[in-house]
Amino acid sequence: TIFIIHTLVVRHYVEHCRLADEATIQGEAASQLAREQQPSPGVVAPYRPDSCSYSGRDLLKSFITAALNREEVIHVLCFDVSEEELKDGLKPSDTQRLHIHNAYSDPLGWTGHPNFTAQQFSLEDLTNLVKQTSHPKPAVLVIDSLSWILRHKTPPAVCQTLQQLRKGGAVRAVIGLLHTDMHQRGTVGSVCHLATSLISVAPGVKGKEAVARVTKRSKSGKVMQDEEIFCIAEDFTVTILSKASHAEHKTNSTEEEQADPTANLTFNLRLSDSELEAKQKLTLPFVFSKEKKTALLHPGPGSGRILYEPDANDDYDQEDPDDDLDV
């Protein structure tokens, strides 16, 4: 089973996310869902103002379009946008294999007749939901978005369900949209740890360009990272323009490499020119120099000879230790 969660983030200003009013509603007002539009607390980039045209949802639609072109069955849990908005731009002929489960109109089940709620995000409910359509191949599950589910269910429960979907075999792949600036780092890290592929999207410098930072994890544990500039056409076709420039990162790394760690010390670790010259001329005793090697392999005349004169003690016979036998 292939399990993919794509983290699609607009870092400088995330698209307006629909948040439900969680205040207690009593009496006749219980049937009315108070919804408000407010921006995510994203970081505004100094080089670019607000731009919702590079939201992660466009790239999410490109994944849906590509899966439909491969004649795959897709189930979409739609929390952030309505069904009409999600289908906008998709070919009508392809939507026959696209099953959208409306969690937008009543995500918390306040009306009593919800289509799908955040509390139904469990292995059993999702498996029954996918098996409602008869298809020989496992379907693709698209979650738009995981951020909504994480606001109403604990991160361990969400991660457990994702892990069970990965191993259960009910779905072939899981593609999720996650607004990372809405959650704590620990929550984002736990969800991303389950993914085999992560895509972080940020606006580009020119026009409709965007920058995608892709992280892939293989089964062997190898992690591959890449950064590309792309654009999305009106039919949600992704075109890779070029590799992202790393000139700024290289400049920063060069500056860090040239930094002198001995600059602000209270003692001197540097050598003067005379000290450096004396150090280079010094011959260490344990170094096997060329001169030593030549002297050992080519001895001079008259050197290295052993002169020995035998005496009576050298003529020793073990069979005649007293030297009294005349043989």
Protein backbone atom coordinates (compact mmCIF):
# COMPACT_ATOMS: atom_id res chain seq x y z
CA THR A 1 0.00 0.00 0.00
CA ILE A 2 1.32 3.41 -0.93
CA PHE A 3 0.64 6.11 1.62
CA ILE A 4 1.27 9.71 0.64
CA ILE A 5 0.45 12.83 2.58
CA HIS A 6 1.28 15.99 0.72
CA THR A 7 1.82 18.95 3.01
CA LEU A 8 0.85 21.90 0.85
CA VAL A 9 1.60 25.21 2.52
CA VAL A 10 1.63 28.86 1.44
CA ARG A 11 4.16 30.15 3.94
CA HIS A 12 3.76 33.91 3.62
CA TYR A 13 -0.03 34.00 3.85
CA VAL A 14 -2.17 30.88 3.84
CA GLU A 15 -5.51 30.86 2.06
CA HIS A 16 -8.55 31.86 4.05
CA CYS A 17 -9.61 28.82 6.05
CA ARG A 18 -13.19 28.28 7.09
CA LEU A 19 -13.45 27.93 10.85
CA ALA A 20 -16.58 26.78 12.65
CA ASP A 21 -17.86 28.69 15.64
CA GLU A 22 -17.56 26.23 18.52
CA ALA A 23 -19.69 28.22 20.96
CA THR A 24 -22.75 26.47 22.39
CA ILE A 25 -25.86 27.15 20.36
CA GLN A 26 -29.19 26.59 22.10
CA GLY A 27 -32.84 26.52 21.09
CA GLU A 28 -33.84 27.33 17.54
CA ALA A 29 -30.38 28.60 16.67
CA ALA A 30 -28.95 25.08 17.00
CA SER A 31 -29.72 24.35 13.34
CA GLN A 32 -27.73 27.33 12.14
CA LEU A 33 -24.02 26.80 11.66
CA ALA A 34 -22.04 29.91 12.39
CA ARG A 35 -19.12 29.99 10.04
CA GLU A 36 -16.64 32.77 9.61
CA GLN A 37 -13.80 33.40 7.23
CA GLN A 38 -10.51 34.44 8.79
CA PRO A 39 -6.93 34.21 7.61
CA SER A 40 -4.48 31.76 9.04
CA PRO A 41 -1.84 33.27 11.30
CA GLY A 42 0.80 32.81 8.65
CA VAL A 43 4.07 34.68 8.34
CA VAL A 44 3.92 37.53 5.83
CA ALA A 45 6.95 37.39 3.57
CA PRO A 46 8.63 40.76 3.04
CA TYR A 47 9.20 40.18 -0.66
CA ARG A 48 5.61 39.34 -1.54
CA PRO A 49 2.20 40.48 -0.22
CA ASP A 50 -0.86 38.31 0.24
CA SER A 51 -1.53 35.89 -2.63
CA CYS A 52 -4.17 33.17 -2.48
CA SER A 53 -3.56 32.04 -6.07
CA TYR A 54 -0.78 29.70 -4.94
CA SER A 55 -2.74 27.84 -2.32
CA GLY A 56 -2.18 24.14 -1.88
CA ARG A 57 -5.65 23.34 -3.16
CA ASP A 58 -4.69 24.02 -6.79
CA LEU A 59 -1.93 21.44 -6.54
CA LEU A 60 -4.34 19.11 -4.77
CA LYS A 61 -6.71 19.41 -7.73
CA SER A 62 -3.85 18.57 -10.07
CA PHE A 63 -3.33 15.30 -8.18
CA ILE A 64 -7.05 14.57 -8.47
CA THR A 65 -6.98 15.31 -12.21
CA ALA A 66 -3.96 13.08 -12.75
CA ALA A 67 -5.60 10.21 -10.86
CA LEU A 68 -8.81 10.61 -12.89
CA ASN A 69 -6.78 10.50 -16.11
CA ARG A 70 -5.39 7.16 -14.92
CA GLU A 71 -9.01 5.97 -14.55
CA GLU A 72 -8.72 5.60 -10.80
CA VAL A 73 -11.58 5.94 -8.34
CA ILE A 74 -11.20 8.86 -5.94
CA HIS A 75 -13.00 9.57 -2.67
CA VAL A 76 -12.71 13.12 -1.37
CA LEU A 77 -13.46 14.20 2.20
CA CYS A 78 -14.41 17.81 1.60
CA PHE A 79 -14.17 19.93 4.77
CA ASP A 80 -12.70 23.26 3.65
CA VAL A 81 -14.68 23.99 0.48
CA SER A 82 -18.03 23.04 -0.98
CA GLU A 83 -18.55 20.30 -3.53
CA GLU A 84 -19.25 22.84 -6.27
CA GLU A 85 -16.02 24.69 -5.61
CA LEU A 86 -14.00 21.49 -5.60
CA LYS A 87 -15.49 20.36 -8.92
CA ASP A 88 -14.88 23.75 -10.49
CA GLY A 89 -12.44 23.31 -13.37
CA LEU A 90 -12.65 19.51 -13.52
CA LYS A 91 -13.96 17.78 -16.64
CA PRO A 92 -17.58 16.58 -16.25
CA SER A 93 -16.72 13.24 -17.86
CA ASP A 94 -14.09 12.55 -15.22
CA THR A 95 -16.33 13.28 -12.24
CA GLN A 96 -18.11 9.93 -12.61
CA ARG A 97 -15.24 8.25 -10.78
CA LEU A 98 -14.99 11.15 -8.33
CA HIS A 99 -16.98 10.59 -5.13
CA ILE A 100 -17.18 13.68 -2.94
CA HIS A 101 -18.35 13.25 0.64
CA ASN A 102 -19.78 16.54 1.79
CA ALA A 103 -18.36 17.45 5.19
CA TYR A 104 -18.57 21.16 4.42
CA SER A 105 -22.23 21.84 5.15
CA ASP A 106 -22.36 20.06 8.54
CA PRO A 107 -18.87 18.99 9.66
CA LEU A 108 -19.84 18.51 13.31
CA GLY A 109 -23.25 16.88 12.85
CA TRP A 110 -25.29 19.68 14.42
CA THR A 111 -28.26 19.26 12.07
CA GLY A 112 -28.67 15.58 12.92
CA HIS A 113 -28.38 14.45 9.28
CA PRO A 114 -24.75 14.99 8.30
CA ASN A 115 -23.14 13.44 5.25
CA PHE A 116 -19.74 13.06 6.90
CA THR A 117 -18.32 14.51 10.11
CA ALA A 118 -14.89 14.88 11.63
CA GLN A 119 -15.76 12.30 14.29
CA GLN A 120 -16.30 9.70 11.56
CA PHE A 121 -12.63 9.86 10.64
CA SER A 122 -11.85 6.31 11.71
CA LEU A 123 -10.70 3.16 9.96
CA GLU A 124 -14.07 1.43 10.15
CA ASP A 125 -16.10 4.38 8.85
CA LEU A 126 -13.62 5.21 6.09
CA THR A 127 -13.42 1.58 4.96
CA ASN A 128 -17.22 1.34 4.74
CA LEU A 129 -17.28 4.65 2.90
CA VAL A 130 -14.78 3.51 0.27
CA LYS A 131 -16.41 0.10 -0.19
CA GLN A 132 -19.72 1.70 -1.17
CA THR A 133 -18.40 1.96 -4.72
CA SER A 134 -17.74 -1.31 -6.53
CA HIS A 135 -14.34 -1.15 -8.19
CA PRO A 136 -11.76 -3.92 -8.53
CA LYS A 137 -8.82 -1.67 -7.65
CA PRO A 138 -8.27 0.16 -4.34
CA ALA A 139 -9.35 3.78 -4.43
CA VAL A 140 -7.45 6.97 -3.69
CA LEU A 141 -8.50 8.91 -0.60
CA VAL A 142 -8.16 12.71 -0.71
CA ILE A 143 -8.56 14.72 2.50
CA ASP A 144 -9.30 18.44 2.19
CA SER A 145 -8.10 19.15 4.73
CA LEU A 146 -6.36 17.37 7.59
CA SER A 147 -6.22 20.65 9.49
CA TRP A 148 -9.98 20.59 10.04
CA ILE A 149 -9.86 17.05 11.40
CA LEU A 150 -6.93 17.86 13.69
CA ARG A 151 -8.95 20.68 15.22
CA HIS A 152 -11.67 18.29 16.38
CA LYS A 153 -9.77 15.05 17.00
CA THR A 154 -6.58 14.40 18.93
CA PRO A 155 -3.37 14.08 16.89
CA PRO A 156 -2.71 10.52 18.17
CA ALA A 157 -6.15 9.41 16.97
CA VAL A 158 -5.64 11.00 13.55
CA CYS A 159 -2.16 9.49 13.17
CA GLN A 160 -3.44 6.08 14.22
CA THR A 161 -6.19 6.19 11.60
CA LEU A 162 -3.72 7.25 8.90
CA GLN A 163 -1.36 4.44 9.87
CA GLN A 164 -4.21 1.91 9.78
CA LEU A 165 -5.27 3.15 6.35
CA ARG A 166 -1.71 2.72 5.17
CA LYS A 167 -1.54 -0.91 6.27
CA GLY A 168 -5.18 -1.90 5.80
CA GLY A 169 -5.23 -1.97 2.01
CA ALA A 170 -8.64 -0.34 1.68
CA VAL A 171 -7.13 2.59 -0.21
CA ARG A 172 -4.18 2.73 -2.58
CA ALA A 173 -2.98 6.16 -1.51
CA VAL A 174 -3.90 8.99 0.83
CA ILE A 175 -3.41 12.58 -0.29
CA GLY A 176 -3.97 15.18 2.41
CA LEU A 177 -3.90 18.97 2.51
CA LEU A 178 -2.35 20.34 5.70
CA HIS A 179 -2.08 23.98 6.81
CA THR A 180 1.01 23.73 8.99
CA ASP A 181 0.75 27.22 10.44
CA MET A 182 -2.50 26.27 12.19
CA HIS A 183 -0.88 23.61 14.37
CA GLN A 184 2.00 23.18 16.74
CA ARG A 185 5.28 21.82 15.44
CA GLY A 186 4.86 18.56 17.30
CA THR A 187 1.49 17.90 15.66
CA VAL A 188 2.82 18.71 12.20
CA GLY A 189 5.88 16.55 12.77
CA SER A 190 3.80 13.57 13.89
CA VAL A 191 1.56 13.71 10.81
CA CYS A 192 4.44 14.30 8.40
CA HIS A 193 6.38 11.40 9.91
CA LEU A 194 3.77 9.02 8.48
CA ALA A 195 4.10 10.38 4.96
CA THR A 196 6.21 8.91 2.19
CA SER A 197 6.14 12.20 0.26
CA LEU A 198 5.89 15.78 1.47
CA ILE A 199 5.35 18.81 -0.76
CA SER A 200 5.68 22.29 0.68
CA VAL A 201 4.41 25.01 -1.65
CA ALA A 202 5.35 28.70 -1.56
CA PRO A 203 4.67 31.53 -4.05
CA GLY A 204 7.26 32.23 -6.69
CA VAL A 205 8.71 35.55 -7.73
CA LYS A 206 7.11 35.84 -11.17
CA GLY A 207 3.43 35.73 -12.05
CA LYS A 208 1.80 32.37 -11.46
CA GLU A 209 5.00 30.55 -10.63
CA ALA A 210 5.34 28.65 -7.36
CA VAL A 211 8.14 26.86 -5.57
CA ALA A 212 7.69 23.26 -4.43
CA ARG A 213 9.99 21.68 -1.87
CA VAL A 214 9.63 17.91 -2.22
CA THR A 215 10.80 15.36 0.35
CA LYS A 216 10.55 11.65 -0.50
CA ARG A 217 11.22 8.74 1.81
CA SER A 218 11.98 5.36 0.27
CA LYS A 219 11.30 1.99 1.90
CA SER A 220 15.00 1.62 2.65
CA GLY A 221 14.90 4.80 4.73
CA LYS A 222 16.71 7.01 2.22
CA VAL A 223 15.45 10.60 2.15
CA MET A 224 15.60 12.58 -1.10
CA GLN A 225 14.91 16.31 -1.23
CA ASP A 226 14.37 18.52 -4.24
CA GLU A 227 13.17 22.03 -4.97
CA GLU A 228 11.48 23.00 -8.23
CA ILE A 229 9.68 25.96 -9.76
CA PHE A 230 6.34 25.06 -11.36
CA CYS A 231 3.10 26.54 -12.58
CA ILE A 232 -0.44 25.16 -12.80
CA ALA A 233 -2.55 25.67 -15.92
CA GLU A 234 -6.31 26.22 -15.99
CA ASP A 235 -6.88 22.51 -16.56
CA PHE A 236 -4.73 21.79 -13.46
CA THR A 237 -1.80 20.49 -15.47
CA VAL A 238 1.48 20.95 -13.64
CA THR A 239 4.45 22.21 -15.64
CA ILE A 240 7.94 22.04 -14.13
CA LEU A 241 9.79 25.17 -15.22
CA SER A 242 13.21 24.77 -13.65
CA LYS A 243 15.12 23.85 -10.56
CA ALA A 244 14.96 26.43 -7.82
CA SER A 245 18.02 28.63 -7.46
CA HIS A 246 20.14 27.99 -4.40
CA ALA A 247 22.42 31.00 -4.92
CA GLU A 248 21.28 32.62 -1.72
CA HIS A 249 21.84 29.45 0.28
CA LYS A 250 25.28 28.98 -1.28
CA THR A 251 26.23 32.56 -0.41
CA ASN A 252 25.18 32.09 3.18
CA SER A 253 27.04 28.79 3.44
CA THR A 254 30.18 30.40 1.97
CA GLU A 255 30.02 33.19 4.49
CA GLU A 256 29.66 30.67 7.29
CA GLU A 257 32.64 28.70 6.01
CA GLN A 258 34.80 31.84 5.88
CA ALA A 259 33.97 32.84 9.44
CA ASP A 260 37.04 32.81 11.69
CA PRO A 261 36.37 30.93 14.97
CA THR A 262 39.54 32.42 16.55
CA ALA A 263 38.55 36.04 15.99
CA ASN A 264 36.97 36.80 19.38
CA LEU A 265 39.15 34.69 21.70
CA THR A 266 41.00 36.13 24.70
CA PHE A 267 44.14 34.16 23.82
CA ASN A 268 46.16 33.79 20.62
CA LEU A 269 45.82 30.58 18.61
CA ARG A 270 47.48 31.89 15.47
CA LEU A 271 51.12 31.44 14.41
CA SER A 272 53.33 34.21 13.19
CA ASP A 273 55.21 33.93 9.89
CA SER A 274 58.47 32.98 11.60
CA GLU A 275 56.74 30.39 13.78
CA LEU A 276 54.98 28.91 10.78
CA GLU A 277 58.28 28.70 8.85
CA ALA A 278 60.03 27.00 11.78
CA LYS A 279 57.15 24.54 12.08
CA GLN A 280 57.44 23.57 8.43
CA LYS A 281 61.21 23.01 8.71
CA LEU A 282 60.95 20.87 11.82
CA THR A 283 61.50 17.16 11.26
CA LEU A 284 59.55 15.00 13.63
CA PRO A 285 61.32 11.96 15.12
CA PHE A 286 58.64 9.49 14.14
CA VAL A 287 58.49 10.59 10.51
CA PHE A 288 60.20 8.13 8.12
CA SER A 289 61.90 10.63 5.84
CA LYS A 290 63.54 9.93 2.51
CA GLU A 291 67.02 10.49 3.97
CA LYS A 292 66.47 7.87 6.67
CA LYS A 293 65.18 5.39 4.14
CA THR A 294 68.21 5.88 1.88
CA ALA A 295 70.65 5.48 4.75
CA LEU A 296 69.09 2.19 5.86
CA LEU A 297 68.80 0.58 2.45
CA HIS A 298 72.22 1.66 1.07
CA PRO A 299 74.92 1.43 3.77
CA GLY A 300 78.34 2.95 3.08
CA PRO A 301 81.61 0.92 2.59
CA GLY A 302 83.17 -0.52 5.77
CA SER A 303 80.03 -0.12 7.77
CA GLY A 304 77.74 -2.87 8.92
CA ARG A 305 80.49 -5.60 9.10
CA ILE A 306 80.83 -8.08 11.98
CA LEU A 307 84.32 -9.41 12.82
CA TYR A 308 84.39 -12.57 14.97
CA GLU A 309 87.20 -14.90 16.09
CA PRO A 310 86.09 -18.32 17.46
CA ASP A 311 87.66 -19.56 20.72
CA ALA A 312 87.72 -22.91 22.56
CA ASN A 313 84.27 -22.46 23.99
CA ASP A 314 82.80 -22.33 20.53
CA ASP A 315 84.07 -25.90 19.74
CA TYR A 316 81.55 -27.59 22.03
CA ASP A 317 80.40 -31.15 21.39
CA GLN A 318 77.30 -32.36 23.21
CA GLU A 319 78.42 -36.03 22.88
CA ASP A 320 81.84 -35.21 24.41
CA PRO A 321 81.24 -32.42 26.92
CA ASP A 322 84.56 -33.14 28.76
CA ASP A 323 86.53 -33.16 25.52
CA ASP A 324 88.40 -36.35 26.57
CA LEU A 325 87.41 -38.66 23.74
CA ASP A 326 89.75 -39.11 20.83
CA VAL A 327 87.58 -40.11 17.94
